[in-house]
Protein backbone atom coordinates (compact mmCIF):
# COMPACT_ATOMS: atom_id res chain seq x y z
CA MET A 1 18.29 -79.67 6.69
CA LYS A 2 16.18 -80.75 9.61
CA LYS A 3 14.76 -77.22 9.93
CA LEU A 4 13.85 -77.13 6.24
CA LEU A 5 11.93 -80.41 6.46
CA LEU A 6 10.21 -79.24 9.64
CA GLY A 7 9.16 -76.00 7.87
CA ILE A 8 7.76 -77.87 4.84
CA PHE A 9 5.86 -80.25 7.12
CA ALA A 10 4.38 -77.33 9.14
CA LEU A 11 3.31 -75.54 5.95
CA ALA A 12 1.62 -78.69 4.61
CA ALA A 13 -0.16 -79.25 7.93
CA LEU A 14 -1.50 -75.68 8.03
CA THR A 15 -2.68 -75.85 4.41
CA GLY A 16 -4.42 -79.18 4.98
CA ALA A 17 -6.10 -77.91 8.15
CA ASN A 18 -7.68 -75.00 6.26
CA ALA A 19 -8.99 -77.32 3.54
CA ALA A 20 -10.45 -79.69 6.12
CA SER A 21 -12.24 -76.89 8.00
CA ALA A 22 -13.78 -75.62 4.76
CA ALA A 23 -15.52 -78.97 4.33
CA ASP A 24 -17.37 -78.46 7.63
CA MET A 25 -19.18 -75.29 6.42
CA GLY A 26 -22.89 -75.65 5.70
CA LEU A 27 -24.57 -74.85 2.40
CA PRO A 28 -25.70 -71.27 1.88
CA ALA A 29 -29.34 -70.66 2.75
CA LYS A 30 -31.69 -70.00 -0.21
CA ALA A 31 -33.82 -66.88 -0.19
CA SER A 32 -37.53 -67.60 -0.71
CA THR A 33 -38.03 -64.63 -3.08
CA LEU A 34 -35.69 -61.98 -4.35
CA GLN A 35 -36.73 -58.50 -3.29
CA PRO A 36 -35.92 -55.49 -5.50
CA ALA A 37 -33.25 -53.15 -4.22
CA TRP A 38 -35.55 -50.11 -4.53
CA ASP A 39 -39.16 -49.62 -3.48
CA TRP A 40 -41.06 -47.05 -5.53
CA SER A 41 -44.31 -47.36 -3.52
CA GLY A 42 -45.64 -44.27 -1.83
CA PHE A 43 -46.92 -40.72 -2.16
CA TYR A 44 -45.05 -38.00 -4.04
CA ALA A 45 -45.54 -34.33 -4.91
CA GLY A 46 -43.62 -31.81 -6.96
CA LEU A 47 -43.61 -28.28 -8.31
CA ASN A 48 -42.51 -26.77 -11.59
CA VAL A 49 -41.88 -23.15 -12.55
CA GLY A 50 -40.63 -21.44 -15.66
CA TYR A 51 -40.77 -18.49 -17.97
CA ALA A 52 -42.28 -18.35 -21.46
CA ARG A 53 -41.20 -16.00 -24.19
CA GLY A 54 -42.55 -15.59 -27.68
CA ASN A 55 -42.40 -13.35 -30.72
CA THR A 56 -45.02 -13.09 -33.47
CA VAL A 57 -44.44 -11.40 -36.80
CA TRP A 58 -47.41 -10.72 -39.08
CA ASN A 59 -46.56 -9.86 -42.68
CA ASP A 60 -49.27 -8.53 -44.96
CA LEU A 61 -47.82 -9.08 -48.41
CA ASP A 62 -50.60 -7.40 -50.41
CA GLY A 63 -51.21 -4.51 -47.97
CA PHE A 64 -54.90 -5.39 -47.61
CA LEU A 65 -55.22 -6.17 -43.88
CA THR A 66 -52.99 -3.67 -42.08
CA ALA A 67 -51.98 -0.12 -42.80
CA GLY A 68 -48.31 -0.71 -42.01
CA GLY A 69 -47.72 -3.94 -43.91
CA SER A 70 -46.04 -5.75 -40.97
CA ASN A 71 -46.66 -6.12 -37.25
CA ASN A 72 -44.13 -7.44 -34.70
CA GLU A 73 -45.45 -8.51 -31.28
CA SER A 74 -43.67 -10.04 -28.31
CA ASN A 75 -45.26 -11.80 -25.39
CA ASN A 76 -43.75 -13.03 -22.12
CA GLY A 77 -45.19 -14.74 -19.08
CA PHE A 78 -44.95 -17.08 -16.12
CA ILE A 79 -45.40 -20.87 -16.25
CA GLY A 80 -46.01 -22.80 -13.04
CA GLY A 81 -47.77 -25.79 -11.60
CA GLY A 82 -47.47 -28.99 -9.65
CA GLN A 83 -48.13 -32.70 -9.59
CA VAL A 84 -49.18 -35.21 -6.94
CA GLY A 85 -49.52 -38.96 -7.11
CA TYR A 86 -49.21 -42.36 -5.48
CA ASN A 87 -47.34 -45.45 -6.74
CA TRP A 88 -47.58 -49.14 -5.88
CA GLN A 89 -44.75 -51.54 -6.65
CA PHE A 90 -45.42 -55.24 -7.27
CA ARG A 91 -42.08 -57.05 -7.64
CA HIS A 92 -40.55 -55.39 -10.70
CA ALA A 93 -43.66 -53.50 -11.91
CA VAL A 94 -44.82 -50.07 -10.75
CA VAL A 95 -48.38 -48.75 -11.21
CA GLY A 96 -49.72 -45.47 -9.96
CA VAL A 97 -52.13 -42.57 -10.12
CA GLU A 98 -51.03 -39.00 -10.86
CA THR A 99 -52.67 -35.64 -11.40
CA ASP A 100 -51.13 -32.34 -12.35
CA PHE A 101 -52.10 -28.72 -12.79
CA ASP A 102 -50.35 -25.93 -14.67
CA TYR A 103 -50.79 -22.23 -15.32
CA LEU A 104 -49.52 -20.25 -18.29
CA GLY A 105 -49.73 -16.45 -18.05
CA LEU A 106 -49.11 -15.36 -21.65
CA ARG A 107 -51.12 -12.50 -23.10
CA GLN A 108 -51.12 -11.09 -26.60
CA ASN A 109 -53.44 -8.66 -28.37
CA THR A 110 -53.50 -8.65 -32.15
CA ILE A 111 -55.36 -6.22 -34.40
CA LEU A 112 -55.60 -7.63 -37.90
CA PHE A 113 -58.09 -5.17 -39.40
CA ALA A 114 -56.43 -1.79 -38.89
CA ILE A 115 -58.19 -0.20 -41.85
CA PRO A 116 -61.46 1.60 -41.00
CA PRO A 117 -64.52 -0.21 -42.40
CA GLY A 118 -65.39 2.65 -44.80
CA ASN A 119 -62.06 2.37 -46.60
CA LEU A 120 -62.34 -1.44 -46.87
CA VAL A 121 -65.11 -1.15 -49.45
CA ASP A 122 -63.12 1.34 -51.52
CA ARG A 123 -60.13 -1.03 -51.73
CA ILE A 124 -62.06 -4.01 -53.08
């Protein structure tokens, strides 16, 4: 029984000692201003590339403009360019300047008036 009382007393003493030492800790220091976790300020540059594809179908319902009545054209080409800029971050706001340039290399030739001019007068 003596050992049990000694164990309870030791446990109470250790628990009380931890509570007493916690009272000696100082208050946490306050930060003057909160800083954002990310900083978006600085220079940046980037490139973009791609491929363009298109299909054009001309249907002449009355047969007046083309000899065949319908014309199917496809066009393909390269797309590419880039962008550069600079950003400034003020607390939680970001402002910046950016410029970009792009190139599209699509070409298509369309002939709408396939009828010779002499026959155009006869058809009217």
